[in-house]
Amino acid sequence: MRWTVCREFAVDIQALDGEYVAYHHGSGCTHCLSAEAGELFISLSNAPVASDLEGLMMGAGLTGPEQLQTMLEQLTALSLITVSEST
């Protein structure tokens, strides 16, 4: 699987007291993200497409693949990232 940041609309993200606040310009929604989710989003923002699970886990300070999968699902549900099964 490969992940990328949704680029249809801009997303502003700022660190705030150990967490992150993300503003999605397309929906007008503001999301409070955990430190790990914010770091994961930033890691994905800095790469055109990410498929390296181990690198994503280390970059975001996650403890295992289950935690990574949960974070990816949450960011996808917020329309901050997209996932595809293309190779």
N, C-alpha and C. Protein backbone atom coordinates (compact mmCIF):
# COMPACT_ATOMS: atom_id res chain seq x y z
N MET A 1 0.84 -1.18 0.00
CA MET A 1 0.00 0.00 0.00
C MET A 1 0.89 1.24 0.00
N ARG A 2 0.34 2.31 -0.56
CA ARG A 2 1.08 3.56 -0.65
C ARG A 2 0.19 4.69 -0.13
N TRP A 3 0.79 5.62 0.56
CA TRP A 3 0.05 6.72 1.16
C TRP A 3 0.59 8.05 0.65
N THR A 4 -0.29 9.01 0.54
CA THR A 4 0.12 10.36 0.15
C THR A 4 -0.84 11.36 0.79
N VAL A 5 -0.36 12.56 0.97
CA VAL A 5 -1.20 13.63 1.52
C VAL A 5 -2.20 14.06 0.45
N CYS A 6 -3.44 14.27 0.84
CA CYS A 6 -4.46 14.78 -0.09
C CYS A 6 -4.02 16.18 -0.52
N ARG A 7 -3.97 16.41 -1.80
CA ARG A 7 -3.48 17.69 -2.30
C ARG A 7 -4.58 18.52 -2.95
N GLU A 8 -5.84 18.07 -2.89
CA GLU A 8 -6.92 18.85 -3.49
C GLU A 8 -7.07 20.21 -2.81
N PHE A 9 -6.84 20.24 -1.51
CA PHE A 9 -6.93 21.46 -0.72
C PHE A 9 -5.74 21.54 0.22
N ALA A 10 -5.34 22.73 0.55
CA ALA A 10 -4.22 22.92 1.47
C ALA A 10 -4.61 22.50 2.88
N VAL A 11 -3.62 22.04 3.61
CA VAL A 11 -3.78 21.72 5.03
C VAL A 11 -2.65 22.44 5.76
N ASP A 12 -3.03 23.29 6.71
CA ASP A 12 -2.05 23.96 7.56
C ASP A 12 -1.93 23.15 8.84
N ILE A 13 -0.71 22.90 9.29
CA ILE A 13 -0.51 22.13 10.52
C ILE A 13 0.49 22.86 11.40
N GLN A 14 0.16 22.94 12.68
CA GLN A 14 1.01 23.63 13.65
C GLN A 14 1.10 22.81 14.93
N ALA A 15 2.30 22.77 15.50
CA ALA A 15 2.49 22.14 16.80
C ALA A 15 1.94 23.06 17.88
N LEU A 16 1.28 22.47 18.86
CA LEU A 16 0.69 23.25 19.94
C LEU A 16 0.65 22.40 21.21
N ASP A 17 1.47 22.73 22.17
CA ASP A 17 1.49 22.04 23.46
C ASP A 17 1.60 20.52 23.34
N GLY A 18 2.52 20.04 22.53
CA GLY A 18 2.76 18.61 22.41
C GLY A 18 1.81 17.88 21.49
N GLU A 19 0.88 18.58 20.89
CA GLU A 19 -0.04 17.99 19.91
C GLU A 19 0.03 18.85 18.65
N TYR A 20 -0.77 18.50 17.68
CA TYR A 20 -0.81 19.26 16.43
C TYR A 20 -2.24 19.67 16.13
N VAL A 21 -2.37 20.84 15.53
CA VAL A 21 -3.66 21.32 15.05
C VAL A 21 -3.55 21.41 13.53
N ALA A 22 -4.48 20.76 12.84
CA ALA A 22 -4.49 20.76 11.37
C ALA A 22 -5.77 21.44 10.90
N TYR A 23 -5.61 22.42 10.02
CA TYR A 23 -6.76 23.09 9.42
C TYR A 23 -6.85 22.67 7.96
N HIS A 24 -7.97 22.06 7.60
CA HIS A 24 -8.22 21.57 6.25
C HIS A 24 -9.01 22.63 5.50
N HIS A 25 -8.37 23.28 4.53
CA HIS A 25 -9.01 24.39 3.81
C HIS A 25 -10.23 23.95 3.00
N GLY A 26 -10.24 22.72 2.53
CA GLY A 26 -11.37 22.25 1.72
C GLY A 26 -12.65 22.09 2.51
N SER A 27 -12.54 21.52 3.69
CA SER A 27 -13.73 21.28 4.51
C SER A 27 -13.98 22.40 5.51
N GLY A 28 -12.94 23.19 5.80
CA GLY A 28 -13.06 24.21 6.83
C GLY A 28 -12.96 23.64 8.23
N CYS A 29 -12.60 22.36 8.33
CA CYS A 29 -12.51 21.70 9.63
C CYS A 29 -11.13 21.87 10.24
N THR A 30 -11.11 21.98 11.54
CA THR A 30 -9.87 21.99 12.30
C THR A 30 -9.81 20.70 13.10
N HIS A 31 -8.68 20.01 13.02
CA HIS A 31 -8.52 18.72 13.68
C HIS A 31 -7.39 18.80 14.70
N CYS A 32 -7.61 18.24 15.87
CA CYS A 32 -6.56 18.11 16.88
C CYS A 32 -5.95 16.72 16.70
N LEU A 33 -4.64 16.69 16.44
CA LEU A 33 -3.94 15.43 16.23
C LEU A 33 -2.96 15.18 17.36
N SER A 34 -2.79 13.91 17.70
CA SER A 34 -1.77 13.56 18.69
C SER A 34 -0.39 13.90 18.11
N ALA A 35 0.61 13.91 18.97
CA ALA A 35 1.97 14.19 18.51
C ALA A 35 2.38 13.19 17.44
N GLU A 36 2.05 11.90 17.65
CA GLU A 36 2.43 10.87 16.69
C GLU A 36 1.70 11.04 15.36
N ALA A 37 0.41 11.34 15.40
CA ALA A 37 -0.35 11.54 14.16
C ALA A 37 0.15 12.76 13.41
N GLY A 38 0.49 13.82 14.14
CA GLY A 38 1.02 15.02 13.52
C GLY A 38 2.37 14.77 12.86
N GLU A 39 3.23 14.02 13.53
CA GLU A 39 4.55 13.68 12.97
C GLU A 39 4.39 12.78 11.74
N LEU A 40 3.44 11.86 11.80
CA LEU A 40 3.17 10.99 10.65
C LEU A 40 2.69 11.82 9.46
N PHE A 41 1.78 12.76 9.70
CA PHE A 41 1.29 13.61 8.63
C PHE A 41 2.43 14.43 8.02
N ILE A 42 3.29 14.97 8.86
CA ILE A 42 4.43 15.76 8.37
C ILE A 42 5.37 14.87 7.56
N SER A 43 5.63 13.65 8.03
CA SER A 43 6.48 12.72 7.28
C SER A 43 5.89 12.45 5.90
N LEU A 44 4.59 12.24 5.85
CA LEU A 44 3.93 11.98 4.57
C LEU A 44 3.94 13.23 3.70
N SER A 45 3.86 14.40 4.31
CA SER A 45 3.89 15.66 3.56
C SER A 45 5.23 15.88 2.88
N ASN A 46 6.28 15.37 3.48
CA ASN A 46 7.63 15.57 2.97
C ASN A 46 8.04 14.55 1.91
N ALA A 47 7.18 13.56 1.65
CA ALA A 47 7.48 12.55 0.64
C ALA A 47 6.35 12.53 -0.38
N PRO A 48 6.67 12.40 -1.66
CA PRO A 48 5.60 12.38 -2.66
C PRO A 48 4.64 11.21 -2.43
N VAL A 49 5.18 10.03 -2.16
CA VAL A 49 4.38 8.84 -1.87
C VAL A 49 5.19 8.01 -0.90
N ALA A 50 4.54 7.49 0.13
CA ALA A 50 5.25 6.69 1.12
C ALA A 50 4.71 5.27 1.15
N SER A 51 5.60 4.31 1.17
CA SER A 51 5.19 2.93 1.30
C SER A 51 6.08 2.17 2.27
N ASP A 52 7.06 2.84 2.86
CA ASP A 52 8.00 2.23 3.78
C ASP A 52 7.43 2.27 5.20
N LEU A 53 6.80 1.16 5.60
CA LEU A 53 6.15 1.12 6.91
C LEU A 53 7.13 1.36 8.05
N GLU A 54 8.29 0.72 7.98
CA GLU A 54 9.26 0.87 9.05
C GLU A 54 9.74 2.31 9.17
N GLY A 55 10.00 2.95 8.03
CA GLY A 55 10.41 4.35 8.03
C GLY A 55 9.34 5.27 8.58
N LEU A 56 8.08 5.01 8.21
CA LEU A 56 6.97 5.82 8.73
C LEU A 56 6.84 5.66 10.24
N MET A 57 6.96 4.42 10.74
CA MET A 57 6.85 4.18 12.19
C MET A 57 7.96 4.91 12.93
N MET A 58 9.18 4.81 12.45
CA MET A 58 10.30 5.45 13.13
C MET A 58 10.18 6.96 13.07
N GLY A 59 9.80 7.50 11.91
CA GLY A 59 9.69 8.94 11.75
C GLY A 59 8.65 9.57 12.65
N ALA A 60 7.59 8.81 12.95
CA ALA A 60 6.52 9.33 13.78
C ALA A 60 6.63 8.87 15.23
N GLY A 61 7.63 8.07 15.54
CA GLY A 61 7.80 7.59 16.91
C GLY A 61 6.74 6.59 17.33
N LEU A 62 6.25 5.79 16.40
CA LEU A 62 5.21 4.81 16.70
C LEU A 62 5.84 3.51 17.18
N THR A 63 5.08 2.75 17.97
CA THR A 63 5.62 1.56 18.60
C THR A 63 5.45 0.28 17.80
N GLY A 64 4.56 0.26 16.81
CA GLY A 64 4.37 -0.96 16.05
C GLY A 64 3.44 -0.78 14.88
N PRO A 65 3.32 -1.83 14.06
CA PRO A 65 2.49 -1.73 12.86
C PRO A 65 1.01 -1.51 13.15
N GLU A 66 0.51 -2.02 14.27
CA GLU A 66 -0.90 -1.81 14.59
C GLU A 66 -1.18 -0.34 14.87
N GLN A 67 -0.28 0.30 15.59
CA GLN A 67 -0.44 1.73 15.88
C GLN A 67 -0.34 2.54 14.59
N LEU A 68 0.59 2.17 13.71
CA LEU A 68 0.72 2.86 12.43
C LEU A 68 -0.56 2.71 11.62
N GLN A 69 -1.11 1.50 11.54
CA GLN A 69 -2.32 1.27 10.77
C GLN A 69 -3.48 2.10 11.33
N THR A 70 -3.60 2.18 12.64
CA THR A 70 -4.65 2.98 13.27
C THR A 70 -4.50 4.45 12.90
N MET A 71 -3.27 4.97 12.96
CA MET A 71 -3.03 6.37 12.61
C MET A 71 -3.34 6.64 11.14
N LEU A 72 -2.92 5.73 10.26
CA LEU A 72 -3.20 5.90 8.83
C LEU A 72 -4.70 5.91 8.56
N GLU A 73 -5.44 5.03 9.23
CA GLU A 73 -6.89 4.99 9.07
C GLU A 73 -7.53 6.28 9.58
N GLN A 74 -7.05 6.80 10.70
CA GLN A 74 -7.60 8.05 11.24
C GLN A 74 -7.32 9.23 10.32
N LEU A 75 -6.10 9.34 9.81
CA LEU A 75 -5.77 10.44 8.91
C LEU A 75 -6.54 10.32 7.59
N THR A 76 -6.79 9.10 7.14
CA THR A 76 -7.59 8.89 5.94
C THR A 76 -9.03 9.31 6.18
N ALA A 77 -9.59 8.94 7.33
CA ALA A 77 -10.97 9.30 7.67
C ALA A 77 -11.16 10.81 7.74
N LEU A 78 -10.11 11.54 8.11
CA LEU A 78 -10.17 13.00 8.18
C LEU A 78 -9.90 13.66 6.82
N SER A 79 -9.71 12.85 5.79
CA SER A 79 -9.40 13.33 4.43
C SER A 79 -8.09 14.11 4.38
N LEU A 80 -7.15 13.76 5.24
CA LEU A 80 -5.83 14.39 5.23
C LEU A 80 -4.85 13.62 4.37
N ILE A 81 -5.05 12.30 4.27
CA ILE A 81 -4.21 11.46 3.41
C ILE A 81 -5.10 10.53 2.59
N THR A 82 -4.51 9.97 1.54
CA THR A 82 -5.20 8.95 0.76
C THR A 82 -4.31 7.73 0.69
N VAL A 83 -4.92 6.60 0.49
CA VAL A 83 -4.20 5.34 0.38
C VAL A 83 -4.65 4.63 -0.88
N SER A 84 -3.69 4.00 -1.55
CA SER A 84 -4.04 3.20 -2.72
C SER A 84 -3.26 1.91 -2.68
N GLU A 85 -3.76 0.92 -3.36
CA GLU A 85 -3.09 -0.37 -3.40
C GLU A 85 -2.28 -0.53 -4.68
N SER A 86 -2.11 0.54 -5.42
CA SER A 86 -1.33 0.45 -6.66
C SER A 86 0.13 0.19 -6.34
N THR A 87 0.82 -0.40 -7.28
CA THR A 87 2.23 -0.74 -7.06
C THR A 87 3.12 0.33 -7.64
